[in-house]
Amino acid sequence: MKFLAALTYILSLSAHAAGGVSGGGGNLISPIVPLEKQDPREIRHIIRGSKDLLKNFVDAKYALYLSGSMDFQSLRLYSALFADSKHNLHEVMEKITIDIPLDKPCYDNQGQSFDGSTVDQTSYSICISAFNIAQKCDENQVPLQATALIFHEFSEVAGLSDEDAITLQTEVLNELKVW
């Protein structure tokens, strides 16, 4: 009964976030800089493959969410993502495509450059820049960094604030390091 009351409270706190998009951008978190120039086409290929890793991660988190095995902070954030709405994380992952430019960064709604952004919602896509990532991140780290950044952008589309998306991006990156 206490769990149900806590879950109801958390859902009421996160209800304001459902369905919003910040229009902002996200960046990689503490990437290891490559020692030599990398081909953005190779990085784009790795980024595309990161969707499978993201799906496995989200499925694992969803199982924890359903079992009630999350701490309060995680439950608050994932409740907003897994809520039964057209903007829940599963729907977003199914419907939103990933644009991966090879020759430019992604831009937020104010024209600032980022490694990823949610700004292009007219085409139902997020942007993850292979151009930026190739310059900033060693190829060996790209799968983890890209997965965490994609999760960040999808989380914003699903309604989380940029601050909460960064919190989850950091969590994803740290947890995937030990997977």
N, C-alpha and C. Protein backbone atom coordinates (compact mmCIF):
# COMPACT_ATOMS: atom_id res chain seq x y z
N MET A 1 0.81 -1.19 0.00
CA MET A 1 0.00 0.00 0.00
C MET A 1 0.86 1.26 0.00
N LYS A 2 1.96 1.25 0.79
CA LYS A 2 2.85 2.40 0.83
C LYS A 2 3.50 2.61 -0.53
N PHE A 3 3.85 1.49 -1.19
CA PHE A 3 4.46 1.60 -2.52
C PHE A 3 3.50 2.27 -3.49
N LEU A 4 2.23 1.86 -3.46
CA LEU A 4 1.22 2.44 -4.35
C LEU A 4 1.05 3.92 -4.07
N ALA A 5 1.04 4.32 -2.82
CA ALA A 5 0.91 5.75 -2.47
C ALA A 5 2.12 6.53 -2.95
N ALA A 6 3.32 5.95 -2.77
CA ALA A 6 4.54 6.63 -3.23
C ALA A 6 4.55 6.75 -4.75
N LEU A 7 4.13 5.69 -5.44
CA LEU A 7 4.08 5.73 -6.90
C LEU A 7 3.09 6.77 -7.39
N THR A 8 1.93 6.86 -6.76
CA THR A 8 0.93 7.86 -7.13
C THR A 8 1.48 9.26 -6.94
N TYR A 9 2.17 9.47 -5.84
CA TYR A 9 2.78 10.78 -5.58
C TYR A 9 3.83 11.12 -6.64
N ILE A 10 4.67 10.16 -6.96
CA ILE A 10 5.71 10.39 -7.97
C ILE A 10 5.10 10.68 -9.32
N LEU A 11 4.09 9.93 -9.70
CA LEU A 11 3.44 10.17 -10.98
C LEU A 11 2.82 11.56 -11.04
N SER A 12 2.27 12.02 -9.91
CA SER A 12 1.69 13.36 -9.91
C SER A 12 2.77 14.42 -10.05
N LEU A 13 3.96 14.17 -9.48
CA LEU A 13 5.06 15.12 -9.63
C LEU A 13 5.57 15.18 -11.06
N SER A 14 5.58 14.04 -11.72
CA SER A 14 6.15 13.99 -13.07
C SER A 14 5.12 14.24 -14.15
N ALA A 15 3.85 14.36 -13.81
CA ALA A 15 2.81 14.52 -14.82
C ALA A 15 2.99 15.79 -15.63
N HIS A 16 3.54 16.82 -15.02
CA HIS A 16 3.74 18.07 -15.76
C HIS A 16 4.74 17.92 -16.88
N ALA A 17 5.59 16.91 -16.80
CA ALA A 17 6.64 16.76 -17.80
C ALA A 17 6.19 15.99 -19.03
N ALA A 18 5.12 15.25 -18.95
CA ALA A 18 4.74 14.35 -20.03
C ALA A 18 4.52 15.10 -21.34
N GLY A 19 5.22 14.65 -22.36
CA GLY A 19 4.99 15.14 -23.70
C GLY A 19 5.75 16.38 -24.09
N GLY A 20 6.61 16.89 -23.26
CA GLY A 20 7.32 18.12 -23.61
C GLY A 20 8.63 17.85 -24.32
N VAL A 21 9.10 18.84 -25.02
CA VAL A 21 10.40 18.78 -25.67
C VAL A 21 11.10 20.08 -25.36
N SER A 22 12.33 20.00 -24.85
CA SER A 22 13.01 21.21 -24.44
C SER A 22 13.47 22.04 -25.62
N GLY A 23 13.69 21.42 -26.78
CA GLY A 23 14.23 22.16 -27.91
C GLY A 23 15.70 22.46 -27.74
N GLY A 24 16.29 21.85 -26.73
CA GLY A 24 17.69 22.10 -26.44
C GLY A 24 18.58 21.04 -27.02
N GLY A 25 19.81 21.11 -26.60
CA GLY A 25 20.79 20.16 -27.09
C GLY A 25 21.49 19.48 -25.94
N GLY A 26 22.18 18.42 -26.26
CA GLY A 26 22.96 17.68 -25.28
C GLY A 26 24.35 17.41 -25.82
N ASN A 27 25.27 17.17 -24.92
CA ASN A 27 26.65 16.88 -25.29
C ASN A 27 27.10 15.59 -24.65
N LEU A 28 28.19 15.04 -25.18
CA LEU A 28 28.80 13.87 -24.58
C LEU A 28 29.28 14.24 -23.18
N ILE A 29 29.42 13.24 -22.32
CA ILE A 29 29.88 13.47 -20.95
C ILE A 29 31.28 12.88 -20.80
N SER A 30 32.25 13.74 -20.58
CA SER A 30 33.65 13.37 -20.34
C SER A 30 34.18 12.32 -21.32
N PRO A 31 34.08 12.58 -22.62
CA PRO A 31 34.60 11.59 -23.58
C PRO A 31 36.13 11.57 -23.60
N ILE A 32 36.67 10.44 -24.00
CA ILE A 32 38.11 10.34 -24.22
C ILE A 32 38.37 10.82 -25.64
N VAL A 33 39.18 11.84 -25.77
CA VAL A 33 39.46 12.45 -27.07
C VAL A 33 40.28 11.49 -27.93
N PRO A 34 39.91 11.34 -29.21
CA PRO A 34 40.66 10.43 -30.08
C PRO A 34 42.09 10.93 -30.32
N LEU A 35 43.01 9.99 -30.46
CA LEU A 35 44.41 10.35 -30.71
C LEU A 35 44.67 10.68 -32.17
N GLU A 36 43.82 10.19 -33.05
CA GLU A 36 43.96 10.48 -34.46
C GLU A 36 42.60 10.79 -35.06
N LYS A 37 42.61 11.39 -36.24
CA LYS A 37 41.37 11.78 -36.90
C LYS A 37 40.52 10.55 -37.21
N GLN A 38 39.22 10.68 -36.96
CA GLN A 38 38.28 9.58 -37.20
C GLN A 38 37.32 9.96 -38.32
N ASP A 39 36.88 8.97 -39.05
CA ASP A 39 35.96 9.16 -40.15
C ASP A 39 34.52 9.24 -39.61
N PRO A 40 33.84 10.36 -39.82
CA PRO A 40 32.45 10.47 -39.34
C PRO A 40 31.51 9.39 -39.89
N ARG A 41 31.83 8.83 -41.08
CA ARG A 41 30.99 7.76 -41.62
C ARG A 41 31.08 6.50 -40.76
N GLU A 42 32.28 6.21 -40.25
CA GLU A 42 32.45 5.07 -39.35
C GLU A 42 31.71 5.32 -38.02
N ILE A 43 31.82 6.55 -37.54
CA ILE A 43 31.15 6.91 -36.30
C ILE A 43 29.63 6.82 -36.48
N ARG A 44 29.11 7.27 -37.63
CA ARG A 44 27.67 7.17 -37.90
C ARG A 44 27.22 5.71 -37.84
N HIS A 45 28.02 4.82 -38.40
CA HIS A 45 27.68 3.39 -38.38
C HIS A 45 27.59 2.88 -36.93
N ILE A 46 28.53 3.29 -36.09
CA ILE A 46 28.52 2.88 -34.68
C ILE A 46 27.31 3.47 -33.96
N ILE A 47 27.01 4.73 -34.25
CA ILE A 47 25.84 5.38 -33.63
C ILE A 47 24.57 4.63 -33.99
N ARG A 48 24.43 4.26 -35.25
CA ARG A 48 23.23 3.51 -35.67
C ARG A 48 23.11 2.20 -34.89
N GLY A 49 24.22 1.54 -34.67
CA GLY A 49 24.22 0.28 -33.92
C GLY A 49 23.91 0.46 -32.44
N SER A 50 24.07 1.67 -31.95
CA SER A 50 23.81 1.95 -30.53
C SER A 50 22.34 1.84 -30.17
N LYS A 51 21.45 1.90 -31.15
CA LYS A 51 20.01 1.76 -30.86
C LYS A 51 19.69 0.40 -30.24
N ASP A 52 20.40 -0.65 -30.65
CA ASP A 52 20.17 -1.98 -30.07
C ASP A 52 20.59 -2.01 -28.61
N LEU A 53 21.74 -1.41 -28.30
CA LEU A 53 22.20 -1.33 -26.93
C LEU A 53 21.22 -0.53 -26.08
N LEU A 54 20.71 0.56 -26.65
CA LEU A 54 19.72 1.38 -25.95
C LEU A 54 18.46 0.58 -25.67
N LYS A 55 17.98 -0.17 -26.64
CA LYS A 55 16.77 -0.97 -26.44
C LYS A 55 16.96 -1.96 -25.30
N ASN A 56 18.11 -2.63 -25.27
CA ASN A 56 18.38 -3.59 -24.18
C ASN A 56 18.43 -2.89 -22.83
N PHE A 57 19.04 -1.72 -22.79
CA PHE A 57 19.12 -0.97 -21.54
C PHE A 57 17.72 -0.56 -21.07
N VAL A 58 16.92 -0.02 -21.98
CA VAL A 58 15.57 0.42 -21.63
C VAL A 58 14.72 -0.77 -21.18
N ASP A 59 14.83 -1.90 -21.85
CA ASP A 59 14.09 -3.09 -21.45
C ASP A 59 14.46 -3.51 -20.02
N ALA A 60 15.75 -3.46 -19.70
CA ALA A 60 16.20 -3.81 -18.35
C ALA A 60 15.66 -2.83 -17.32
N LYS A 61 15.67 -1.54 -17.63
CA LYS A 61 15.14 -0.53 -16.71
C LYS A 61 13.63 -0.68 -16.55
N TYR A 62 12.94 -1.01 -17.62
CA TYR A 62 11.50 -1.19 -17.56
C TYR A 62 11.15 -2.36 -16.64
N ALA A 63 11.92 -3.44 -16.72
CA ALA A 63 11.70 -4.59 -15.85
C ALA A 63 11.90 -4.20 -14.39
N LEU A 64 12.94 -3.41 -14.10
CA LEU A 64 13.16 -2.93 -12.73
C LEU A 64 12.02 -2.03 -12.28
N TYR A 65 11.56 -1.18 -13.17
CA TYR A 65 10.45 -0.27 -12.88
C TYR A 65 9.19 -1.06 -12.52
N LEU A 66 8.87 -2.04 -13.33
CA LEU A 66 7.67 -2.85 -13.10
C LEU A 66 7.76 -3.66 -11.81
N SER A 67 8.96 -4.08 -11.45
CA SER A 67 9.13 -4.89 -10.24
C SER A 67 9.17 -4.05 -8.97
N GLY A 68 9.25 -2.72 -9.12
CA GLY A 68 9.33 -1.85 -7.95
C GLY A 68 10.69 -1.86 -7.30
N SER A 69 11.73 -2.19 -8.08
CA SER A 69 13.08 -2.33 -7.54
C SER A 69 13.96 -1.09 -7.76
N MET A 70 13.35 0.07 -7.90
CA MET A 70 14.12 1.30 -8.13
C MET A 70 14.13 2.17 -6.89
N ASP A 71 15.22 2.92 -6.74
CA ASP A 71 15.25 3.90 -5.66
C ASP A 71 14.32 5.06 -6.00
N PHE A 72 14.07 5.93 -5.03
CA PHE A 72 13.09 7.00 -5.19
C PHE A 72 13.41 7.91 -6.37
N GLN A 73 14.67 8.35 -6.51
CA GLN A 73 15.05 9.25 -7.61
C GLN A 73 14.83 8.57 -8.96
N SER A 74 15.26 7.34 -9.09
CA SER A 74 15.08 6.62 -10.36
C SER A 74 13.60 6.42 -10.65
N LEU A 75 12.84 6.06 -9.63
CA LEU A 75 11.41 5.86 -9.81
C LEU A 75 10.73 7.14 -10.28
N ARG A 76 11.14 8.28 -9.73
CA ARG A 76 10.57 9.56 -10.16
C ARG A 76 10.84 9.81 -11.64
N LEU A 77 12.07 9.60 -12.07
CA LEU A 77 12.43 9.87 -13.46
C LEU A 77 11.83 8.85 -14.42
N TYR A 78 11.94 7.59 -14.09
CA TYR A 78 11.43 6.56 -14.99
C TYR A 78 9.91 6.51 -15.03
N SER A 79 9.25 6.96 -13.97
CA SER A 79 7.79 7.04 -14.00
C SER A 79 7.33 7.96 -15.11
N ALA A 80 8.03 9.08 -15.27
CA ALA A 80 7.68 10.01 -16.35
C ALA A 80 7.94 9.38 -17.72
N LEU A 81 8.99 8.58 -17.82
CA LEU A 81 9.34 7.96 -19.10
C LEU A 81 8.45 6.78 -19.46
N PHE A 82 8.01 6.02 -18.46
CA PHE A 82 7.25 4.82 -18.73
C PHE A 82 5.74 5.00 -18.53
N ALA A 83 5.30 6.22 -18.25
CA ALA A 83 3.87 6.49 -18.07
C ALA A 83 3.10 6.07 -19.31
N ASP A 84 1.87 5.69 -19.12
CA ASP A 84 1.04 5.24 -20.23
C ASP A 84 0.49 6.46 -20.99
N SER A 85 1.27 6.93 -21.94
CA SER A 85 0.86 8.08 -22.75
C SER A 85 1.48 7.95 -24.12
N LYS A 86 1.07 8.80 -25.05
CA LYS A 86 1.63 8.71 -26.40
C LYS A 86 3.07 9.20 -26.46
N HIS A 87 3.55 9.83 -25.38
CA HIS A 87 4.93 10.31 -25.35
C HIS A 87 5.81 9.50 -24.40
N ASN A 88 5.41 8.25 -24.08
CA ASN A 88 6.28 7.47 -23.19
C ASN A 88 7.52 7.03 -23.97
N LEU A 89 8.51 6.60 -23.25
CA LEU A 89 9.80 6.29 -23.87
C LEU A 89 9.70 5.21 -24.95
N HIS A 90 8.89 4.20 -24.72
CA HIS A 90 8.75 3.14 -25.73
C HIS A 90 8.16 3.69 -27.03
N GLU A 91 7.14 4.53 -26.92
CA GLU A 91 6.53 5.15 -28.11
C GLU A 91 7.54 6.06 -28.82
N VAL A 92 8.27 6.84 -28.05
CA VAL A 92 9.27 7.75 -28.63
C VAL A 92 10.32 6.94 -29.39
N MET A 93 10.82 5.88 -28.77
CA MET A 93 11.85 5.07 -29.42
C MET A 93 11.34 4.42 -30.70
N GLU A 94 10.06 4.12 -30.73
CA GLU A 94 9.47 3.48 -31.91
C GLU A 94 9.24 4.49 -33.05
N LYS A 95 8.83 5.70 -32.70
CA LYS A 95 8.38 6.66 -33.71
C LYS A 95 9.40 7.70 -34.13
N ILE A 96 10.31 8.05 -33.25
CA ILE A 96 11.27 9.11 -33.54
C ILE A 96 12.50 8.50 -34.20
N THR A 97 12.91 9.06 -35.32
CA THR A 97 14.11 8.60 -36.01
C THR A 97 15.31 9.41 -35.56
N ILE A 98 16.48 8.92 -35.91
CA ILE A 98 17.71 9.60 -35.54
C ILE A 98 18.39 10.11 -36.80
N ASP A 99 18.52 11.43 -36.89
CA ASP A 99 19.27 12.06 -37.97
C ASP A 99 20.71 12.14 -37.51
N ILE A 100 21.65 11.66 -38.33
CA ILE A 100 23.07 11.61 -37.94
C ILE A 100 23.91 12.33 -38.99
N PRO A 101 24.03 13.66 -38.87
CA PRO A 101 24.81 14.40 -39.86
C PRO A 101 26.30 14.10 -39.79
N LEU A 102 26.92 14.03 -40.97
CA LEU A 102 28.34 13.74 -41.08
C LEU A 102 29.20 15.00 -41.15
N ASP A 103 28.57 16.13 -41.45
CA ASP A 103 29.35 17.33 -41.77
C ASP A 103 29.00 18.56 -40.94
N LYS A 104 28.24 18.37 -39.89
CA LYS A 104 27.85 19.51 -39.07
C LYS A 104 27.40 19.04 -37.70
N PRO A 105 27.39 19.95 -36.73
CA PRO A 105 26.84 19.61 -35.42
C PRO A 105 25.32 19.61 -35.45
N CYS A 106 24.72 19.31 -34.34
CA CYS A 106 23.29 19.47 -34.15
C CYS A 106 23.09 20.85 -33.54
N TYR A 107 21.90 21.40 -33.71
CA TYR A 107 21.64 22.75 -33.19
C TYR A 107 20.40 22.75 -32.32
N ASP A 108 20.42 23.59 -31.28
CA ASP A 108 19.24 23.75 -30.45
C ASP A 108 18.32 24.78 -31.09
N ASN A 109 17.22 25.10 -30.42
CA ASN A 109 16.25 26.03 -30.99
C ASN A 109 16.73 27.47 -31.02
N GLN A 110 17.92 27.73 -30.48
CA GLN A 110 18.50 29.07 -30.54
C GLN A 110 19.75 29.12 -31.42
N GLY A 111 20.00 28.05 -32.15
CA GLY A 111 21.11 28.02 -33.10
C GLY A 111 22.47 27.67 -32.50
N GLN A 112 22.52 27.25 -31.24
CA GLN A 112 23.79 26.85 -30.63
C GLN A 112 24.10 25.41 -31.02
N SER A 113 25.38 25.12 -31.23
CA SER A 113 25.76 23.78 -31.67
C SER A 113 25.93 22.83 -30.48
N PHE A 114 25.52 21.58 -30.70
CA PHE A 114 25.59 20.52 -29.70
C PHE A 114 25.91 19.20 -30.38
N ASP A 115 26.22 18.19 -29.56
CA ASP A 115 26.44 16.84 -30.07
C ASP A 115 25.12 16.16 -30.43
N GLY A 116 24.04 16.55 -29.76
CA GLY A 116 22.72 16.01 -30.02
C GLY A 116 21.66 17.05 -29.71
N SER A 117 20.49 16.92 -30.35
CA SER A 117 19.40 17.84 -30.05
C SER A 117 18.05 17.23 -30.39
N THR A 118 17.01 17.85 -29.85
CA THR A 118 15.64 17.43 -30.11
C THR A 118 14.90 18.46 -30.94
N VAL A 119 15.60 19.42 -31.47
CA VAL A 119 14.95 20.59 -32.04
C VAL A 119 14.12 20.31 -33.29
N ASP A 120 14.43 19.30 -34.07
CA ASP A 120 13.75 19.07 -35.33
C ASP A 120 12.55 18.13 -35.18
N GLN A 121 11.54 18.56 -34.47
CA GLN A 121 10.38 17.71 -34.24
C GLN A 121 9.42 17.68 -35.42
N THR A 122 9.55 18.60 -36.39
CA THR A 122 8.66 18.57 -37.55
C THR A 122 8.88 17.31 -38.38
N SER A 123 10.09 16.79 -38.37
CA SER A 123 10.36 15.57 -39.13
C SER A 123 10.37 14.34 -38.22
N TYR A 124 9.93 14.50 -36.96
CA TYR A 124 9.90 13.40 -36.00
C TYR A 124 11.25 12.73 -35.87
N SER A 125 12.28 13.55 -35.67
CA SER A 125 13.61 13.01 -35.50
C SER A 125 14.38 13.79 -34.44
N ILE A 126 15.39 13.13 -33.91
CA ILE A 126 16.37 13.81 -33.08
C ILE A 126 17.64 13.87 -33.91
N CYS A 127 18.58 14.66 -33.47
CA CYS A 127 19.86 14.79 -34.16
C CYS A 127 20.98 14.31 -33.24
N ILE A 128 21.85 13.45 -33.77
CA ILE A 128 23.07 13.03 -33.09
C ILE A 128 24.18 13.24 -34.12
N SER A 129 25.13 14.11 -33.81
CA SER A 129 26.14 14.52 -34.79
C SER A 129 27.35 13.58 -34.82
N ALA A 130 27.47 12.82 -35.91
CA ALA A 130 28.67 12.00 -36.12
C ALA A 130 29.88 12.90 -36.32
N PHE A 131 29.65 14.05 -36.90
CA PHE A 131 30.72 15.04 -37.11
C PHE A 131 31.35 15.45 -35.77
N ASN A 132 30.52 15.87 -34.83
CA ASN A 132 31.02 16.27 -33.51
C ASN A 132 31.65 15.11 -32.76
N ILE A 133 30.94 13.99 -32.75
CA ILE A 133 31.39 12.84 -31.97
C ILE A 133 32.73 12.32 -32.50
N ALA A 134 32.91 12.34 -33.81
CA ALA A 134 34.19 11.88 -34.39
C ALA A 134 35.35 12.74 -33.91
N GLN A 135 35.11 13.99 -33.65
CA GLN A 135 36.16 14.90 -33.18
C GLN A 135 36.40 14.81 -31.68
N LYS A 136 35.37 14.44 -30.93
CA LYS A 136 35.44 14.51 -29.47
C LYS A 136 35.65 13.18 -28.76
N CYS A 137 35.31 12.09 -29.41
CA CYS A 137 35.22 10.82 -28.68
C CYS A 137 35.95 9.70 -29.41
N ASP A 138 36.82 9.01 -28.70
CA ASP A 138 37.51 7.86 -29.26
C ASP A 138 36.50 6.81 -29.69
N GLU A 139 36.76 6.21 -30.84
CA GLU A 139 35.85 5.24 -31.44
C GLU A 139 35.42 4.14 -30.49
N ASN A 140 36.31 3.71 -29.60
CA ASN A 140 35.99 2.64 -28.65
C ASN A 140 34.91 3.05 -27.65
N GLN A 141 34.79 4.34 -27.39
CA GLN A 141 33.79 4.84 -26.44
C GLN A 141 32.48 5.22 -27.10
N VAL A 142 32.46 5.30 -28.42
CA VAL A 142 31.27 5.79 -29.12
C VAL A 142 30.00 4.99 -28.80
N PRO A 143 30.04 3.65 -28.74
CA PRO A 143 28.79 2.95 -28.44
C PRO A 143 28.15 3.38 -27.12
N LEU A 144 28.95 3.52 -26.08
CA LEU A 144 28.41 3.92 -24.77
C LEU A 144 27.98 5.38 -24.78
N GLN A 145 28.82 6.24 -25.31
CA GLN A 145 28.51 7.67 -25.33
C GLN A 145 27.28 7.95 -26.20
N ALA A 146 27.22 7.32 -27.36
CA ALA A 146 26.08 7.53 -28.26
C ALA A 146 24.79 7.01 -27.65
N THR A 147 24.85 5.84 -27.03
CA THR A 147 23.66 5.29 -26.38
C THR A 147 23.15 6.24 -25.30
N ALA A 148 24.05 6.74 -24.48
CA ALA A 148 23.67 7.66 -23.40
C ALA A 148 23.11 8.97 -23.95
N LEU A 149 23.71 9.48 -25.03
CA LEU A 149 23.22 10.73 -25.62
C LEU A 149 21.87 10.54 -26.31
N ILE A 150 21.69 9.44 -27.00
CA ILE A 150 20.39 9.15 -27.61
C ILE A 150 19.32 9.03 -26.52
N PHE A 151 19.66 8.36 -25.43
CA PHE A 151 18.73 8.25 -24.31
C PHE A 151 18.37 9.64 -23.79
N HIS A 152 19.36 10.51 -23.66
CA HIS A 152 19.13 11.90 -23.23
C HIS A 152 18.10 12.57 -24.13
N GLU A 153 18.31 12.50 -25.44
CA GLU A 153 17.42 13.19 -26.38
C GLU A 153 16.02 12.56 -26.39
N PHE A 154 15.95 11.24 -26.39
CA PHE A 154 14.64 10.58 -26.34
C PHE A 154 13.91 10.93 -25.04
N SER A 155 14.64 11.04 -23.94
CA SER A 155 14.03 11.40 -22.66
C SER A 155 13.41 12.79 -22.70
N GLU A 156 14.07 13.70 -23.39
CA GLU A 156 13.50 15.04 -23.53
C GLU A 156 12.23 15.01 -24.38
N VAL A 157 12.24 14.23 -25.44
CA VAL A 157 11.04 14.11 -26.27
C VAL A 157 9.90 13.51 -25.44
N ALA A 158 10.25 12.56 -24.56
CA ALA A 158 9.23 11.93 -23.71
C ALA A 158 8.77 12.84 -22.58
N GLY A 159 9.43 13.97 -22.39
CA GLY A 159 8.92 14.94 -21.43
C GLY A 159 9.84 15.36 -20.31
N LEU A 160 11.02 14.79 -20.20
CA LEU A 160 11.91 15.20 -19.12
C LEU A 160 12.57 16.54 -19.41
N SER A 161 12.93 17.23 -18.35
CA SER A 161 13.69 18.47 -18.49
C SER A 161 15.12 18.12 -18.91
N ASP A 162 15.85 19.11 -19.38
CA ASP A 162 17.24 18.90 -19.75
C ASP A 162 18.05 18.43 -18.54
N GLU A 163 17.79 19.00 -17.39
CA GLU A 163 18.51 18.61 -16.17
C GLU A 163 18.29 17.14 -15.86
N ASP A 164 17.03 16.68 -15.91
CA ASP A 164 16.74 15.27 -15.66
C ASP A 164 17.32 14.37 -16.75
N ALA A 165 17.30 14.85 -17.99
CA ALA A 165 17.88 14.07 -19.09
C ALA A 165 19.39 13.89 -18.90
N ILE A 166 20.07 14.93 -18.41
CA ILE A 166 21.51 14.83 -18.14
C ILE A 166 21.76 13.83 -17.00
N THR A 167 20.91 13.88 -15.98
CA THR A 167 21.04 12.93 -14.87
C THR A 167 20.95 11.50 -15.39
N LEU A 168 19.96 11.23 -16.24
CA LEU A 168 19.81 9.88 -16.78
C LEU A 168 20.91 9.53 -17.77
N GLN A 169 21.35 10.50 -18.55
CA GLN A 169 22.46 10.25 -19.49
C GLN A 169 23.69 9.80 -18.72
N THR A 170 23.98 10.46 -17.62
CA THR A 170 25.12 10.09 -16.78
C THR A 170 24.94 8.69 -16.21
N GLU A 171 23.72 8.39 -15.75
CA GLU A 171 23.43 7.06 -15.21
C GLU A 171 23.62 5.98 -16.27
N VAL A 172 23.09 6.23 -17.46
CA VAL A 172 23.22 5.26 -18.55
C VAL A 172 24.70 5.02 -18.85
N LEU A 173 25.45 6.08 -18.98
CA LEU A 173 26.88 5.95 -19.30
C LEU A 173 27.61 5.15 -18.23
N ASN A 174 27.36 5.47 -16.96
CA ASN A 174 28.03 4.76 -15.87
C ASN A 174 27.61 3.30 -15.78
N GLU A 175 26.34 3.02 -15.98
CA GLU A 175 25.87 1.63 -15.90
C GLU A 175 26.36 0.81 -17.07
N LEU A 176 26.40 1.40 -18.26
CA LEU A 176 26.85 0.64 -19.43
C LEU A 176 28.33 0.29 -19.35
N LYS A 177 29.10 1.06 -18.62
CA LYS A 177 30.53 0.78 -18.46
C LYS A 177 30.77 -0.56 -17.77
N VAL A 178 29.80 -1.00 -16.96
CA VAL A 178 29.95 -2.26 -16.24
C VAL A 178 29.08 -3.39 -16.79
N TRP A 179 28.39 -3.15 -17.87
CA TRP A 179 27.55 -4.19 -18.49
C TRP A 179 28.41 -5.22 -19.14
